[in-house]
Amino acid sequence: MGIGNKLRNRFQMARGRAKARKGRATGDPYLETKGQGQRVGGAARQTSEQVKDAVKNARSAFKE
């Protein structure tokens, strides 16, 4: 719903992507897995924000 939350989620996904790439490049499976988890967590939160926005838009469409 909030722009701040959406940006935070995007940054979390980007950090996770960077960690996963670094882990892959250095051969560190722990870092790669941690990065993938962080990316997925950000994506899940981003999806929940999009669902909240869709519900808000649907609700306002029925009010009119």
PDB file of N, CA and C in Angstrom:
ATOM      1  N   MET A   1       0.817  -1.170   0.000  1.00  0.00           N
ATOM      2  CA  MET A   1       0.000   0.000   0.000  1.00  0.00           C
ATOM      3  C   MET A   1       0.870   1.246   0.000  1.00  0.00           C
ATOM      4  N   GLY A   2       1.840   1.258   0.892  1.00  0.00           N
ATOM      5  CA  GLY A   2       2.689   2.430   0.962  1.00  0.00           C
ATOM      6  C   GLY A   2       3.878   2.317   0.034  1.00  0.00           C
ATOM      7  N   ILE A   3       4.268   3.446  -0.491  1.00  0.00           N
ATOM      8  CA  ILE A   3       5.433   3.501  -1.373  1.00  0.00           C
ATOM      9  C   ILE A   3       6.678   3.038  -0.631  1.00  0.00           C
ATOM     10  N   GLY A   4       6.798   3.411   0.636  1.00  0.00           N
ATOM     11  CA  GLY A   4       7.964   3.012   1.429  1.00  0.00           C
ATOM     12  C   GLY A   4       8.095   1.502   1.541  1.00  0.00           C
ATOM     13  N   ASN A   5       6.970   0.828   1.765  1.00  0.00           N
ATOM     14  CA  ASN A   5       6.996  -0.636   1.857  1.00  0.00           C
ATOM     15  C   ASN A   5       7.394  -1.261   0.529  1.00  0.00           C
ATOM     16  N   LYS A   6       6.865  -0.729  -0.550  1.00  0.00           N
ATOM     17  CA  LYS A   6       7.188  -1.281  -1.862  1.00  0.00           C
ATOM     18  C   LYS A   6       8.673  -1.110  -2.180  1.00  0.00           C
ATOM     19  N   LEU A   7       9.211   0.070  -1.848  1.00  0.00           N
ATOM     20  CA  LEU A   7      10.639   0.302  -2.089  1.00  0.00           C
ATOM     21  C   LEU A   7      11.494  -0.604  -1.207  1.00  0.00           C
ATOM     22  N   ARG A   8      11.105  -0.766   0.037  1.00  0.00           N
ATOM     23  CA  ARG A   8      11.851  -1.635   0.950  1.00  0.00           C
ATOM     24  C   ARG A   8      11.872  -3.064   0.419  1.00  0.00           C
ATOM     25  N   ASN A   9      10.743  -3.526  -0.092  1.00  0.00           N
ATOM     26  CA  ASN A   9      10.673  -4.881  -0.643  1.00  0.00           C
ATOM     27  C   ASN A   9      11.557  -5.015  -1.882  1.00  0.00           C
ATOM     28  N   ARG A  10      11.541  -4.011  -2.731  1.00  0.00           N
ATOM     29  CA  ARG A  10      12.386  -4.055  -3.933  1.00  0.00           C
ATOM     30  C   ARG A  10      13.865  -4.083  -3.568  1.00  0.00           C
ATOM     31  N   PHE A  11      14.247  -3.273  -2.557  1.00  0.00           N
ATOM     32  CA  PHE A  11      15.642  -3.269  -2.127  1.00  0.00           C
ATOM     33  C   PHE A  11      16.027  -4.613  -1.525  1.00  0.00           C
ATOM     34  N   GLN A  12      15.107  -5.228  -0.787  1.00  0.00           N
ATOM     35  CA  GLN A  12      15.388  -6.536  -0.207  1.00  0.00           C
ATOM     36  C   GLN A  12      15.585  -7.564  -1.318  1.00  0.00           C
ATOM     37  N   MET A  13      14.764  -7.510  -2.347  1.00  0.00           N
ATOM     38  CA  MET A  13      14.921  -8.432  -3.471  1.00  0.00           C
ATOM     39  C   MET A  13      16.258  -8.201  -4.173  1.00  0.00           C
ATOM     40  N   ALA A  14      16.643  -6.947  -4.337  1.00  0.00           N
ATOM     41  CA  ALA A  14      17.905  -6.632  -4.997  1.00  0.00           C
ATOM     42  C   ALA A  14      19.095  -7.097  -4.156  1.00  0.00           C
ATOM     43  N   ARG A  15      19.034  -6.894  -2.837  1.00  0.00           N
ATOM     44  CA  ARG A  15      20.116  -7.364  -1.970  1.00  0.00           C
ATOM     45  C   ARG A  15      20.230  -8.878  -2.025  1.00  0.00           C
ATOM     46  N   GLY A  16      19.084  -9.554  -2.020  1.00  0.00           N
ATOM     47  CA  GLY A  16      19.089 -11.018  -2.101  1.00  0.00           C
ATOM     48  C   GLY A  16      19.665 -11.504  -3.412  1.00  0.00           C
ATOM     49  N   ARG A  17      19.311 -10.830  -4.491  1.00  0.00           N
ATOM     50  CA  ARG A  17      19.838 -11.200  -5.806  1.00  0.00           C
ATOM     51  C   ARG A  17      21.356 -11.025  -5.833  1.00  0.00           C
ATOM     52  N   ALA A  18      21.834  -9.931  -5.238  1.00  0.00           N
ATOM     53  CA  ALA A  18      23.272  -9.665  -5.207  1.00  0.00           C
ATOM     54  C   ALA A  18      24.003 -10.714  -4.359  1.00  0.00           C
ATOM     55  N   LYS A  19      23.427 -11.075  -3.216  1.00  0.00           N
ATOM     56  CA  LYS A  19      24.047 -12.094  -2.363  1.00  0.00           C
ATOM     57  C   LYS A  19      24.109 -13.434  -3.081  1.00  0.00           C
ATOM     58  N   ALA A  20      23.021 -13.787  -3.760  1.00  0.00           N
ATOM     59  CA  ALA A  20      22.993 -15.066  -4.478  1.00  0.00           C
ATOM     60  C   ALA A  20      24.048 -15.083  -5.578  1.00  0.00           C
ATOM     61  N   ARG A  21      24.194 -13.988  -6.296  1.00  0.00           N
ATOM     62  CA  ARG A  21      25.210 -13.925  -7.352  1.00  0.00           C
ATOM     63  C   ARG A  21      26.614 -14.011  -6.771  1.00  0.00           C
ATOM     64  N   LYS A  22      26.830 -13.305  -5.666  1.00  0.00           N
ATOM     65  CA  LYS A  22      28.145 -13.338  -5.028  1.00  0.00           C
ATOM     66  C   LYS A  22      28.449 -14.750  -4.525  1.00  0.00           C
ATOM     67  N   GLY A  23      27.464 -15.390  -3.939  1.00  0.00           N
ATOM     68  CA  GLY A  23      27.643 -16.767  -3.467  1.00  0.00           C
ATOM     69  C   GLY A  23      27.951 -17.716  -4.601  1.00  0.00           C
ATOM     70  N   ARG A  24      27.269 -17.534  -5.730  1.00  0.00           N
ATOM     71  CA  ARG A  24      27.521 -18.369  -6.906  1.00  0.00           C
ATOM     72  C   ARG A  24      28.932 -18.130  -7.434  1.00  0.00           C
ATOM     73  N   ALA A  25      29.346 -16.864  -7.469  1.00  0.00           N
ATOM     74  CA  ALA A  25      30.654 -16.511  -8.023  1.00  0.00           C
ATOM     75  C   ALA A  25      31.797 -17.014  -7.141  1.00  0.00           C
ATOM     76  N   THR A  26      31.589 -16.974  -5.822  1.00  0.00           N
ATOM     77  CA  THR A  26      32.650 -17.387  -4.912  1.00  0.00           C
ATOM     78  C   THR A  26      32.572 -18.854  -4.537  1.00  0.00           C
ATOM     79  N   GLY A  27      31.510 -19.520  -4.953  1.00  0.00           N
ATOM     80  CA  GLY A  27      31.346 -20.936  -4.629  1.00  0.00           C
ATOM     81  C   GLY A  27      30.873 -21.160  -3.200  1.00  0.00           C
ATOM     82  N   ASP A  28      30.205 -20.180  -2.614  1.00  0.00           N
ATOM     83  CA  ASP A  28      29.705 -20.280  -1.251  1.00  0.00           C
ATOM     84  C   ASP A  28      28.211 -20.616  -1.286  1.00  0.00           C
ATOM     85  N   PRO A  29      27.853 -21.879  -1.105  1.00  0.00           N
ATOM     86  CA  PRO A  29      26.435 -22.256  -1.199  1.00  0.00           C
ATOM     87  C   PRO A  29      25.589 -21.639  -0.090  1.00  0.00           C
ATOM     88  N   TYR A  30      26.182 -21.394   1.096  1.00  0.00           N
ATOM     89  CA  TYR A  30      25.429 -20.790   2.189  1.00  0.00           C
ATOM     90  C   TYR A  30      24.991 -19.374   1.817  1.00  0.00           C
ATOM     91  N   LEU A  31      25.919 -18.586   1.280  1.00  0.00           N
ATOM     92  CA  LEU A  31      25.599 -17.214   0.894  1.00  0.00           C
ATOM     93  C   LEU A  31      24.587 -17.194  -0.254  1.00  0.00           C
ATOM     94  N   GLU A  32      24.745 -18.113  -1.189  1.00  0.00           N
ATOM     95  CA  GLU A  32      23.809 -18.196  -2.314  1.00  0.00           C
ATOM     96  C   GLU A  32      22.399 -18.518  -1.825  1.00  0.00           C
ATOM     97  N   THR A  33      22.292 -19.477  -0.918  1.00  0.00           N
ATOM     98  CA  THR A  33      20.984 -19.860  -0.379  1.00  0.00           C
ATOM     99  C   THR A  33      20.374 -18.735   0.447  1.00  0.00           C
ATOM    100  N   LYS A  34      21.205 -18.067   1.238  1.00  0.00           N
ATOM    101  CA  LYS A  34      20.714 -16.952   2.038  1.00  0.00           C
ATOM    102  C   LYS A  34      20.189 -15.834   1.135  1.00  0.00           C
ATOM    103  N   GLY A  35      20.891 -15.559   0.051  1.00  0.00           N
ATOM    104  CA  GLY A  35      20.452 -14.543  -0.893  1.00  0.00           C
ATOM    105  C   GLY A  35      19.149 -14.916  -1.577  1.00  0.00           C
ATOM    106  N   GLN A  36      19.020 -16.177  -1.945  1.00  0.00           N
ATOM    107  CA  GLN A  36      17.781 -16.618  -2.587  1.00  0.00           C
ATOM    108  C   GLN A  36      16.604 -16.491  -1.629  1.00  0.00           C
ATOM    109  N   GLY A  37      16.829 -16.840  -0.376  1.00  0.00           N
ATOM    110  CA  GLY A  37      15.769 -16.708   0.625  1.00  0.00           C
ATOM    111  C   GLY A  37      15.356 -15.261   0.830  1.00  0.00           C
ATOM    112  N   GLN A  38      16.337 -14.386   0.855  1.00  0.00           N
ATOM    113  CA  GLN A  38      16.049 -12.965   1.026  1.00  0.00           C
ATOM    114  C   GLN A  38      15.272 -12.430  -0.176  1.00  0.00           C
ATOM    115  N   ARG A  39      15.651 -12.864  -1.369  1.00  0.00           N
ATOM    116  CA  ARG A  39      14.954 -12.426  -2.574  1.00  0.00           C
ATOM    117  C   ARG A  39      13.508 -12.913  -2.574  1.00  0.00           C
ATOM    118  N   VAL A  40      13.307 -14.163  -2.208  1.00  0.00           N
ATOM    119  CA  VAL A  40      11.954 -14.724  -2.177  1.00  0.00           C
ATOM    120  C   VAL A  40      11.110 -14.025  -1.113  1.00  0.00           C
ATOM    121  N   GLY A  41      11.712 -13.719   0.030  1.00  0.00           N
ATOM    122  CA  GLY A  41      10.980 -13.004   1.077  1.00  0.00           C
ATOM    123  C   GLY A  41      10.520 -11.634   0.617  1.00  0.00           C
ATOM    124  N   GLY A  42      11.394 -10.923  -0.089  1.00  0.00           N
ATOM    125  CA  GLY A  42      11.016  -9.620  -0.626  1.00  0.00           C
ATOM    126  C   GLY A  42       9.928  -9.731  -1.672  1.00  0.00           C
ATOM    127  N   ALA A  43      10.022 -10.766  -2.500  1.00  0.00           N
ATOM    128  CA  ALA A  43       9.011 -10.968  -3.537  1.00  0.00           C
ATOM    129  C   ALA A  43       7.651 -11.296  -2.919  1.00  0.00           C
ATOM    130  N   ALA A  44       7.655 -12.086  -1.854  1.00  0.00           N
ATOM    131  CA  ALA A  44       6.396 -12.436  -1.181  1.00  0.00           C
ATOM    132  C   ALA A  44       5.749 -11.195  -0.574  1.00  0.00           C
ATOM    133  N   ARG A  45       6.567 -10.371   0.059  1.00  0.00           N
ATOM    134  CA  ARG A  45       6.023  -9.140   0.636  1.00  0.00           C
ATOM    135  C   ARG A  45       5.516  -8.201  -0.449  1.00  0.00           C
ATOM    136  N   GLN A  46       6.237  -8.153  -1.559  1.00  0.00           N
ATOM    137  CA  GLN A  46       5.820  -7.298  -2.673  1.00  0.00           C
ATOM    138  C   GLN A  46       4.464  -7.775  -3.210  1.00  0.00           C
ATOM    139  N   THR A  47       4.307  -9.073  -3.326  1.00  0.00           N
ATOM    140  CA  THR A  47       3.045  -9.634  -3.808  1.00  0.00           C
ATOM    141  C   THR A  47       1.907  -9.296  -2.845  1.00  0.00           C
ATOM    142  N   SER A  48       2.180  -9.371  -1.545  1.00  0.00           N
ATOM    143  CA  SER A  48       1.122  -9.044  -0.583  1.00  0.00           C
ATOM    144  C   SER A  48       0.737  -7.566  -0.681  1.00  0.00           C
ATOM    145  N   GLU A  49       1.700  -6.700  -0.943  1.00  0.00           N
ATOM    146  CA  GLU A  49       1.392  -5.278  -1.137  1.00  0.00           C
ATOM    147  C   GLU A  49       0.519  -5.085  -2.378  1.00  0.00           C
ATOM    148  N   GLN A  50       0.809  -5.828  -3.434  1.00  0.00           N
ATOM    149  CA  GLN A  50       0.011  -5.717  -4.654  1.00  0.00           C
ATOM    150  C   GLN A  50      -1.408  -6.211  -4.430  1.00  0.00           C
ATOM    151  N   VAL A  51      -1.562  -7.264  -3.633  1.00  0.00           N
ATOM    152  CA  VAL A  51      -2.901  -7.773  -3.315  1.00  0.00           C
ATOM    153  C   VAL A  51      -3.670  -6.730  -2.505  1.00  0.00           C
ATOM    154  N   LYS A  52      -2.995  -6.103  -1.546  1.00  0.00           N
ATOM    155  CA  LYS A  52      -3.653  -5.057  -0.758  1.00  0.00           C
ATOM    156  C   LYS A  52      -4.127  -3.923  -1.664  1.00  0.00           C
ATOM    157  N   ASP A  53      -3.289  -3.533  -2.615  1.00  0.00           N
ATOM    158  CA  ASP A  53      -3.674  -2.468  -3.539  1.00  0.00           C
ATOM    159  C   ASP A  53      -4.863  -2.881  -4.403  1.00  0.00           C
ATOM    160  N   ALA A  54      -4.866  -4.129  -4.857  1.00  0.00           N
ATOM    161  CA  ALA A  54      -5.960  -4.608  -5.698  1.00  0.00           C
ATOM    162  C   ALA A  54      -7.272  -4.611  -4.919  1.00  0.00           C
ATOM    163  N   VAL A  55      -7.224  -5.039  -3.664  1.00  0.00           N
ATOM    164  CA  VAL A  55      -8.428  -5.053  -2.828  1.00  0.00           C
ATOM    165  C   VAL A  55      -8.911  -3.622  -2.596  1.00  0.00           C
ATOM    166  N   LYS A  56      -7.977  -2.726  -2.331  1.00  0.00           N
ATOM    167  CA  LYS A  56      -8.342  -1.323  -2.101  1.00  0.00           C
ATOM    168  C   LYS A  56      -8.996  -0.735  -3.356  1.00  0.00           C
ATOM    169  N   ASN A  57      -8.428  -1.027  -4.518  1.00  0.00           N
ATOM    170  CA  ASN A  57      -8.991  -0.511  -5.775  1.00  0.00           C
ATOM    171  C   ASN A  57     -10.357  -1.119  -6.060  1.00  0.00           C
ATOM    172  N   ALA A  58     -10.518  -2.399  -5.798  1.00  0.00           N
ATOM    173  CA  ALA A  58     -11.811  -3.056  -6.023  1.00  0.00           C
ATOM    174  C   ALA A  58     -12.868  -2.487  -5.076  1.00  0.00           C
ATOM    175  N   ARG A  59     -12.471  -2.276  -3.842  1.00  0.00           N
ATOM    176  CA  ARG A  59     -13.409  -1.725  -2.865  1.00  0.00           C
ATOM    177  C   ARG A  59     -13.862  -0.328  -3.267  1.00  0.00           C
ATOM    178  N   SER A  60     -12.919   0.494  -3.725  1.00  0.00           N
ATOM    179  CA  SER A  60     -13.290   1.851  -4.118  1.00  0.00           C
ATOM    180  C   SER A  60     -14.121   1.847  -5.397  1.00  0.00           C
ATOM    181  N   ALA A  61     -13.937   0.864  -6.263  1.00  0.00           N
ATOM    182  CA  ALA A  61     -14.730   0.799  -7.496  1.00  0.00           C
ATOM    183  C   ALA A  61     -16.190   0.470  -7.174  1.00  0.00           C
ATOM    184  N   PHE A  62     -16.409  -0.357  -6.136  1.00  0.00           N
ATOM    185  CA  PHE A  62     -17.785  -0.720  -5.790  1.00  0.00           C
ATOM    186  C   PHE A  62     -18.483   0.368  -4.987  1.00  0.00           C
ATOM    187  N   LYS A  63     -17.724   1.255  -4.376  1.00  0.00           N
ATOM    188  CA  LYS A  63     -18.336   2.345  -3.618  1.00  0.00           C
ATOM    189  C   LYS A  63     -18.971   3.376  -4.531  1.00  0.00           C
ATOM    190  N   GLU A  64     -18.446   3.502  -5.737  1.00  0.00           N
ATOM    191  CA  GLU A  64     -18.931   4.540  -6.655  1.00  0.00           C
ATOM    192  C   GLU A  64     -20.194   4.150  -7.335  1.00  0.00           C
TER     193      GLU A  64
END
